[in-house]
Amino acid sequence: MIVPATRGPLVWGLVLTVLLGGLWLLCAGPGPDRTPAWTPDRGTLGPADRDALAAAPVDRGAAPAGPDPRVDFTDPAAVAAAYVAAGYGARDTDAGRTNRRAVPYAAPSTPPGTVGVLALTAPPPGHRRTAVVTEVTEGTEGSGGPAGGQRGYRVGYRLVDDLAAQRAADLPAGERQERHLELLRQFDGRWLVAGDTADGP
C-alpha cells in the first residue's frame, strides 16, 4: 500500500498506539479478586469457614429399622406425612447425630435418603419428642415430571415432648412448623421423598 507522505506519520502513529495498547492489556491481566470469601449470594460456608466458626461435628445416625407397615406407599400424601413424623421427632440419643428414621420414605441417592434429618436439639435423657402432623396440602406446582410422576406437599406439624403425658393433661403442643417436600414416583409405583426444605418453592 502506498501512503502519501503527508499521511504517513499519522497512520504509523495510530498503528503504534493500537499495538502498544494491546500489549499493555495482555501484560496487565485481571486484578486480584478483592471480594470477601463469602457473601449471602455465594452459597453455604466452606470447610475453612466452618473450622473458623468451630462448628460442632455431626455424626451419621443409626440405620433405620424400616417403614411403618401401615403406610400406603402408593399414596404420596401418606408418605409425606410419614416422612415428617419419622424425621422430625427426636430421641435423647439424637444429640449430635442425624435422624435417619425417615430414610425408608426417601428416594435413594438424595439427601433425605442418605443423610437424613439433622436433629438440632435433642430432648433431655429419658424423653422423646414427637412430630405430630396436623395437615398435608398438595402444592399446585408439584404435578410435573413424566406422566405426573412428581408431587409437591406442604406438611404442617407440631413438636410434642412426652406425647402420652401431653394428651393425658391436655397440654398444648409446640408452635406450628412446616416442611415443603418433593416426592417422586418410582418405577415400582411407590412415592418417595426426594426434596425437603423449610421454605416453599
C-alpha atoms as a PDB file:
ATOM      1  CA  MET A   1       0.000   0.000   0.000  1.00  0.00           C
ATOM      2  CA  ILE A   2       1.353   3.421  -0.946  1.00  0.00           C
ATOM      3  CA  VAL A   3       0.775   6.039   1.733  1.00  0.00           C
ATOM      4  CA  PRO A   4       1.049   9.695   0.776  1.00  0.00           C
ATOM      5  CA  ALA A   5       3.946  11.420   2.510  1.00  0.00           C
ATOM      6  CA  THR A   6       1.623  13.810   4.337  1.00  0.00           C
ATOM      7  CA  ARG A   7      -0.398  10.967   5.951  1.00  0.00           C
ATOM      8  CA  GLY A   8       2.419   8.515   6.656  1.00  0.00           C
ATOM      9  CA  PRO A   9       3.412   9.688  10.154  1.00  0.00           C
ATOM     10  CA  LEU A  10      -0.255   9.884  11.249  1.00  0.00           C
ATOM     11  CA  VAL A  11      -1.081   6.330  10.091  1.00  0.00           C
ATOM     12  CA  TRP A  12       2.057   4.830  11.610  1.00  0.00           C
ATOM     13  CA  GLY A  13       1.356   6.692  14.858  1.00  0.00           C
ATOM     14  CA  LEU A  14      -2.140   5.169  15.095  1.00  0.00           C
ATOM     15  CA  VAL A  15      -0.830   1.667  14.314  1.00  0.00           C
ATOM     16  CA  LEU A  16       1.847   2.014  17.009  1.00  0.00           C
ATOM     17  CA  THR A  17      -0.709   3.282  19.564  1.00  0.00           C
ATOM     18  CA  VAL A  18      -3.042   0.309  18.935  1.00  0.00           C
ATOM     19  CA  LEU A  19      -0.154  -2.167  19.232  1.00  0.00           C
ATOM     20  CA  LEU A  20       1.126  -0.647  22.478  1.00  0.00           C
ATOM     21  CA  GLY A  21      -2.416  -0.614  23.944  1.00  0.00           C
ATOM     22  CA  GLY A  22      -2.936  -4.297  23.122  1.00  0.00           C
ATOM     23  CA  LEU A  23       0.461  -5.218  24.582  1.00  0.00           C
ATOM     24  CA  TRP A  24      -0.377  -3.351  27.799  1.00  0.00           C
ATOM     25  CA  LEU A  25      -3.735  -5.199  28.156  1.00  0.00           C
ATOM     26  CA  LEU A  26      -2.023  -8.568  27.669  1.00  0.00           C
ATOM     27  CA  CYS A  27       0.642  -7.869  30.294  1.00  0.00           C
ATOM     28  CA  ALA A  28      -1.603  -6.214  32.900  1.00  0.00           C
ATOM     29  CA  GLY A  29      -4.171  -9.055  33.151  1.00  0.00           C
ATOM     30  CA  PRO A  30      -7.093  -9.031  35.612  1.00  0.00           C
ATOM     31  CA  GLY A  31      -6.532  -7.609  39.070  1.00  0.00           C
ATOM     32  CA  PRO A  32      -6.845  -9.612  42.269  1.00  0.00           C
ATOM     33  CA  ASP A  33     -10.357 -10.544  43.457  1.00  0.00           C
ATOM     34  CA  ARG A  34     -10.980  -8.262  46.417  1.00  0.00           C
ATOM     35  CA  THR A  35     -14.476  -9.584  47.199  1.00  0.00           C
ATOM     36  CA  PRO A  36     -14.883 -11.336  50.557  1.00  0.00           C
ATOM     37  CA  ALA A  37     -14.608 -15.129  50.757  1.00  0.00           C
ATOM     38  CA  TRP A  38     -18.336 -15.500  51.440  1.00  0.00           C
ATOM     39  CA  THR A  39     -21.349 -13.335  50.824  1.00  0.00           C
ATOM     40  CA  PRO A  40     -25.015 -14.298  51.223  1.00  0.00           C
ATOM     41  CA  ASP A  41     -25.416 -14.886  47.476  1.00  0.00           C
ATOM     42  CA  ARG A  42     -22.404 -17.224  47.299  1.00  0.00           C
ATOM     43  CA  GLY A  43     -23.980 -20.235  48.966  1.00  0.00           C
ATOM     44  CA  THR A  44     -23.024 -22.161  52.059  1.00  0.00           C
ATOM     45  CA  LEU A  45     -19.926 -21.855  54.195  1.00  0.00           C
ATOM     46  CA  GLY A  46     -16.821 -23.649  53.001  1.00  0.00           C
ATOM     47  CA  PRO A  47     -14.702 -26.038  55.115  1.00  0.00           C
ATOM     48  CA  ALA A  48     -12.337 -23.258  56.217  1.00  0.00           C
ATOM     49  CA  ASP A  49     -15.283 -21.098  57.302  1.00  0.00           C
ATOM     50  CA  ARG A  50     -16.785 -23.931  59.352  1.00  0.00           C
ATOM     51  CA  ASP A  51     -13.424 -24.616  61.015  1.00  0.00           C
ATOM     52  CA  ALA A  52     -13.090 -20.937  61.866  1.00  0.00           C
ATOM     53  CA  LEU A  53     -16.520 -20.989  63.455  1.00  0.00           C
ATOM     54  CA  ALA A  54     -15.617 -24.173  65.382  1.00  0.00           C
ATOM     55  CA  ALA A  55     -18.804 -25.897  64.239  1.00  0.00           C
ATOM     56  CA  ALA A  56     -19.682 -28.962  66.284  1.00  0.00           C
ATOM     57  CA  PRO A  57     -19.252 -32.216  64.328  1.00  0.00           C
ATOM     58  CA  VAL A  58     -22.373 -34.125  63.349  1.00  0.00           C
ATOM     59  CA  ASP A  59     -22.278 -37.911  63.078  1.00  0.00           C
ATOM     60  CA  ARG A  60     -24.472 -40.040  60.871  1.00  0.00           C
ATOM     61  CA  GLY A  61     -27.369 -41.550  62.763  1.00  0.00           C
ATOM     62  CA  ALA A  62     -28.089 -45.231  63.144  1.00  0.00           C
ATOM     63  CA  ALA A  63     -29.623 -47.174  60.278  1.00  0.00           C
ATOM     64  CA  PRO A  64     -33.440 -47.053  60.274  1.00  0.00           C
ATOM     65  CA  ALA A  65     -35.451 -50.029  61.434  1.00  0.00           C
ATOM     66  CA  GLY A  66     -37.851 -49.906  58.472  1.00  0.00           C
ATOM     67  CA  PRO A  67     -41.078 -48.215  57.392  1.00  0.00           C
ATOM     68  CA  ASP A  68     -44.339 -48.294  59.271  1.00  0.00           C
ATOM     69  CA  PRO A  69     -46.254 -51.212  57.684  1.00  0.00           C
ATOM     70  CA  ARG A  70     -49.472 -49.140  57.823  1.00  0.00           C
ATOM     71  CA  VAL A  71     -48.130 -46.559  55.338  1.00  0.00           C
ATOM     72  CA  ASP A  72     -49.524 -46.902  51.801  1.00  0.00           C
ATOM     73  CA  PHE A  73     -46.582 -46.071  49.513  1.00  0.00           C
ATOM     74  CA  THR A  74     -48.905 -45.600  46.541  1.00  0.00           C
ATOM     75  CA  ASP A  75     -50.403 -42.571  48.339  1.00  0.00           C
ATOM     76  CA  PRO A  76     -47.937 -39.648  48.155  1.00  0.00           C
ATOM     77  CA  ALA A  77     -49.732 -37.680  50.892  1.00  0.00           C
ATOM     78  CA  ALA A  78     -49.418 -40.624  53.290  1.00  0.00           C
ATOM     79  CA  VAL A  79     -45.713 -40.947  52.505  1.00  0.00           C
ATOM     80  CA  ALA A  80     -45.168 -37.212  53.051  1.00  0.00           C
ATOM     81  CA  ALA A  81     -46.882 -37.375  56.455  1.00  0.00           C
ATOM     82  CA  ALA A  82     -44.939 -40.493  57.493  1.00  0.00           C
ATOM     83  CA  TYR A  83     -41.648 -38.898  56.433  1.00  0.00           C
ATOM     84  CA  VAL A  84     -42.194 -35.782  58.567  1.00  0.00           C
ATOM     85  CA  ALA A  85     -43.455 -37.776  61.568  1.00  0.00           C
ATOM     86  CA  ALA A  86     -40.405 -40.056  61.461  1.00  0.00           C
ATOM     87  CA  GLY A  87     -37.812 -37.444  60.532  1.00  0.00           C
ATOM     88  CA  TYR A  88     -38.730 -34.535  62.766  1.00  0.00           C
ATOM     89  CA  GLY A  89     -39.412 -36.302  66.024  1.00  0.00           C
ATOM     90  CA  ALA A  90     -36.335 -36.697  68.230  1.00  0.00           C
ATOM     91  CA  ARG A  91     -34.933 -39.018  70.858  1.00  0.00           C
ATOM     92  CA  ASP A  92     -32.455 -38.267  73.606  1.00  0.00           C
ATOM     93  CA  THR A  93     -29.826 -40.255  71.662  1.00  0.00           C
ATOM     94  CA  ASP A  94     -30.093 -37.942  68.623  1.00  0.00           C
ATOM     95  CA  ALA A  95     -27.803 -35.220  70.009  1.00  0.00           C
ATOM     96  CA  GLY A  96     -25.001 -34.525  67.529  1.00  0.00           C
ATOM     97  CA  ARG A  97     -26.330 -37.045  65.020  1.00  0.00           C
ATOM     98  CA  THR A  98     -28.623 -37.074  62.031  1.00  0.00           C
ATOM     99  CA  ASN A  99     -32.018 -38.718  62.366  1.00  0.00           C
ATOM    100  CA  ARG A 100     -32.309 -41.408  59.691  1.00  0.00           C
ATOM    101  CA  ARG A 101     -35.664 -42.833  60.771  1.00  0.00           C
ATOM    102  CA  ALA A 102     -37.311 -41.160  57.738  1.00  0.00           C
ATOM    103  CA  VAL A 103     -34.938 -42.832  55.244  1.00  0.00           C
ATOM    104  CA  PRO A 104     -37.440 -45.643  54.364  1.00  0.00           C
ATOM    105  CA  TYR A 105     -39.728 -42.914  52.956  1.00  0.00           C
ATOM    106  CA  ALA A 106     -36.970 -41.159  50.963  1.00  0.00           C
ATOM    107  CA  ALA A 107     -35.712 -41.720  47.432  1.00  0.00           C
ATOM    108  CA  PRO A 108     -32.276 -43.365  47.114  1.00  0.00           C
ATOM    109  CA  SER A 109     -29.258 -41.158  46.335  1.00  0.00           C
ATOM    110  CA  THR A 110     -30.998 -37.981  47.563  1.00  0.00           C
ATOM    111  CA  PRO A 111     -30.096 -36.011  50.722  1.00  0.00           C
ATOM    112  CA  PRO A 112     -33.250 -37.193  52.566  1.00  0.00           C
ATOM    113  CA  GLY A 113     -32.326 -40.772  51.698  1.00  0.00           C
ATOM    114  CA  THR A 114     -28.612 -40.660  52.517  1.00  0.00           C
ATOM    115  CA  VAL A 115     -28.009 -38.004  55.173  1.00  0.00           C
ATOM    116  CA  GLY A 116     -31.333 -37.922  56.970  1.00  0.00           C
ATOM    117  CA  VAL A 117     -32.571 -35.029  59.090  1.00  0.00           C
ATOM    118  CA  LEU A 118     -30.300 -33.022  61.361  1.00  0.00           C
ATOM    119  CA  ALA A 119     -31.561 -33.126  64.956  1.00  0.00           C
ATOM    120  CA  LEU A 120     -30.844 -29.569  66.078  1.00  0.00           C
ATOM    121  CA  THR A 121     -31.923 -30.102  69.673  1.00  0.00           C
ATOM    122  CA  ALA A 122     -32.470 -33.437  71.342  1.00  0.00           C
ATOM    123  CA  PRO A 123     -34.827 -33.895  74.300  1.00  0.00           C
ATOM    124  CA  PRO A 124     -33.323 -34.482  77.755  1.00  0.00           C
ATOM    125  CA  PRO A 125     -32.259 -38.010  78.764  1.00  0.00           C
ATOM    126  CA  GLY A 126     -35.152 -40.419  79.078  1.00  0.00           C
ATOM    127  CA  HIS A 127     -37.506 -38.281  76.993  1.00  0.00           C
ATOM    128  CA  ARG A 128     -38.790 -38.396  73.430  1.00  0.00           C
ATOM    129  CA  ARG A 129     -40.096 -35.620  71.184  1.00  0.00           C
ATOM    130  CA  THR A 130     -42.891 -36.500  68.753  1.00  0.00           C
ATOM    131  CA  ALA A 131     -43.694 -34.703  65.485  1.00  0.00           C
ATOM    132  CA  VAL A 132     -47.489 -34.642  65.247  1.00  0.00           C
ATOM    133  CA  VAL A 133     -48.570 -33.993  61.639  1.00  0.00           C
ATOM    134  CA  THR A 134     -51.535 -31.626  61.553  1.00  0.00           C
ATOM    135  CA  GLU A 135     -52.046 -31.096  57.829  1.00  0.00           C
ATOM    136  CA  VAL A 136     -50.821 -32.261  54.429  1.00  0.00           C
ATOM    137  CA  THR A 137     -51.533 -29.981  51.464  1.00  0.00           C
ATOM    138  CA  GLU A 138     -50.606 -30.712  47.874  1.00  0.00           C
ATOM    139  CA  GLY A 139     -48.938 -27.816  46.078  1.00  0.00           C
ATOM    140  CA  THR A 140     -50.219 -26.721  42.686  1.00  0.00           C
ATOM    141  CA  GLU A 141     -46.647 -26.630  41.356  1.00  0.00           C
ATOM    142  CA  GLY A 142     -45.835 -30.243  42.136  1.00  0.00           C
ATOM    143  CA  SER A 143     -47.599 -32.224  39.386  1.00  0.00           C
ATOM    144  CA  GLY A 144     -44.849 -32.028  36.777  1.00  0.00           C
ATOM    145  CA  GLY A 145     -42.457 -34.670  35.575  1.00  0.00           C
ATOM    146  CA  PRO A 146     -43.131 -37.511  33.181  1.00  0.00           C
ATOM    147  CA  ALA A 147     -46.721 -38.747  33.418  1.00  0.00           C
ATOM    148  CA  GLY A 148     -47.285 -36.677  36.547  1.00  0.00           C
ATOM    149  CA  GLY A 149     -44.590 -38.522  38.467  1.00  0.00           C
ATOM    150  CA  GLN A 150     -43.750 -35.586  40.727  1.00  0.00           C
ATOM    151  CA  ARG A 151     -45.713 -34.074  43.603  1.00  0.00           C
ATOM    152  CA  GLY A 152     -45.104 -31.207  45.984  1.00  0.00           C
ATOM    153  CA  TYR A 153     -46.558 -31.161  49.508  1.00  0.00           C
ATOM    154  CA  ARG A 154     -46.631 -28.739  52.397  1.00  0.00           C
ATOM    155  CA  VAL A 155     -46.733 -30.659  55.678  1.00  0.00           C
ATOM    156  CA  GLY A 156     -47.666 -28.820  58.880  1.00  0.00           C
ATOM    157  CA  TYR A 157     -46.684 -30.340  62.223  1.00  0.00           C
ATOM    158  CA  ARG A 158     -46.151 -29.581  65.901  1.00  0.00           C
ATOM    159  CA  LEU A 159     -43.485 -30.939  68.227  1.00  0.00           C
ATOM    160  CA  VAL A 160     -44.670 -32.501  71.462  1.00  0.00           C
ATOM    161  CA  ASP A 161     -42.479 -33.688  74.332  1.00  0.00           C
ATOM    162  CA  ASP A 162     -43.760 -36.807  76.072  1.00  0.00           C
ATOM    163  CA  LEU A 163     -46.854 -37.279  73.913  1.00  0.00           C
ATOM    164  CA  ALA A 164     -48.705 -39.553  76.370  1.00  0.00           C
ATOM    165  CA  ALA A 165     -48.327 -37.059  79.238  1.00  0.00           C
ATOM    166  CA  GLN A 166     -49.333 -34.186  76.976  1.00  0.00           C
ATOM    167  CA  ARG A 167     -52.514 -35.967  75.913  1.00  0.00           C
ATOM    168  CA  ALA A 168     -53.372 -37.002  79.467  1.00  0.00           C
ATOM    169  CA  ALA A 169     -53.023 -33.443  80.761  1.00  0.00           C
ATOM    170  CA  ASP A 170     -54.492 -31.852  77.610  1.00  0.00           C
ATOM    171  CA  LEU A 171     -51.444 -29.601  77.288  1.00  0.00           C
ATOM    172  CA  PRO A 172     -50.922 -27.511  74.138  1.00  0.00           C
ATOM    173  CA  ALA A 173     -48.432 -28.728  71.560  1.00  0.00           C
ATOM    174  CA  GLY A 174     -45.468 -26.700  70.363  1.00  0.00           C
ATOM    175  CA  GLU A 175     -45.562 -23.955  67.769  1.00  0.00           C
ATOM    176  CA  ARG A 176     -46.733 -24.998  64.307  1.00  0.00           C
ATOM    177  CA  GLN A 177     -43.942 -25.713  61.837  1.00  0.00           C
ATOM    178  CA  GLU A 178     -43.966 -26.878  58.252  1.00  0.00           C
ATOM    179  CA  ARG A 179     -41.830 -28.653  55.680  1.00  0.00           C
ATOM    180  CA  HIS A 180     -42.070 -28.462  51.894  1.00  0.00           C
ATOM    181  CA  LEU A 181     -41.459 -31.835  50.288  1.00  0.00           C
ATOM    182  CA  GLU A 182     -40.931 -33.012  46.742  1.00  0.00           C
ATOM    183  CA  LEU A 183     -41.999 -36.594  46.058  1.00  0.00           C
ATOM    184  CA  LEU A 184     -41.134 -38.691  43.024  1.00  0.00           C
ATOM    185  CA  ARG A 185     -42.949 -41.799  41.843  1.00  0.00           C
ATOM    186  CA  GLN A 186     -40.609 -44.758  41.484  1.00  0.00           C
ATOM    187  CA  PHE A 187     -40.669 -47.382  38.732  1.00  0.00           C
ATOM    188  CA  ASP A 188     -42.476 -49.799  41.090  1.00  0.00           C
ATOM    189  CA  GLY A 189     -45.285 -47.311  41.814  1.00  0.00           C
ATOM    190  CA  ARG A 190     -44.059 -46.167  45.240  1.00  0.00           C
ATOM    191  CA  TRP A 191     -43.838 -42.465  46.072  1.00  0.00           C
ATOM    192  CA  LEU A 192     -40.667 -41.358  47.886  1.00  0.00           C
ATOM    193  CA  VAL A 193     -39.415 -38.024  49.187  1.00  0.00           C
ATOM    194  CA  ALA A 194     -36.631 -36.534  47.044  1.00  0.00           C
ATOM    195  CA  GLY A 195     -36.503 -32.979  48.425  1.00  0.00           C
ATOM    196  CA  ASP A 196     -37.120 -31.424  51.830  1.00  0.00           C
ATOM    197  CA  THR A 197     -36.943 -27.701  52.625  1.00  0.00           C
ATOM    198  CA  ALA A 198     -38.314 -25.334  55.248  1.00  0.00           C
ATOM    199  CA  ASP A 199     -39.198 -22.734  52.595  1.00  0.00           C
ATOM    200  CA  GLY A 200     -41.744 -23.049  49.841  1.00  0.00           C
ATOM    201  CA  PRO A 201     -40.755 -23.351  46.169  1.00  0.00           C
END
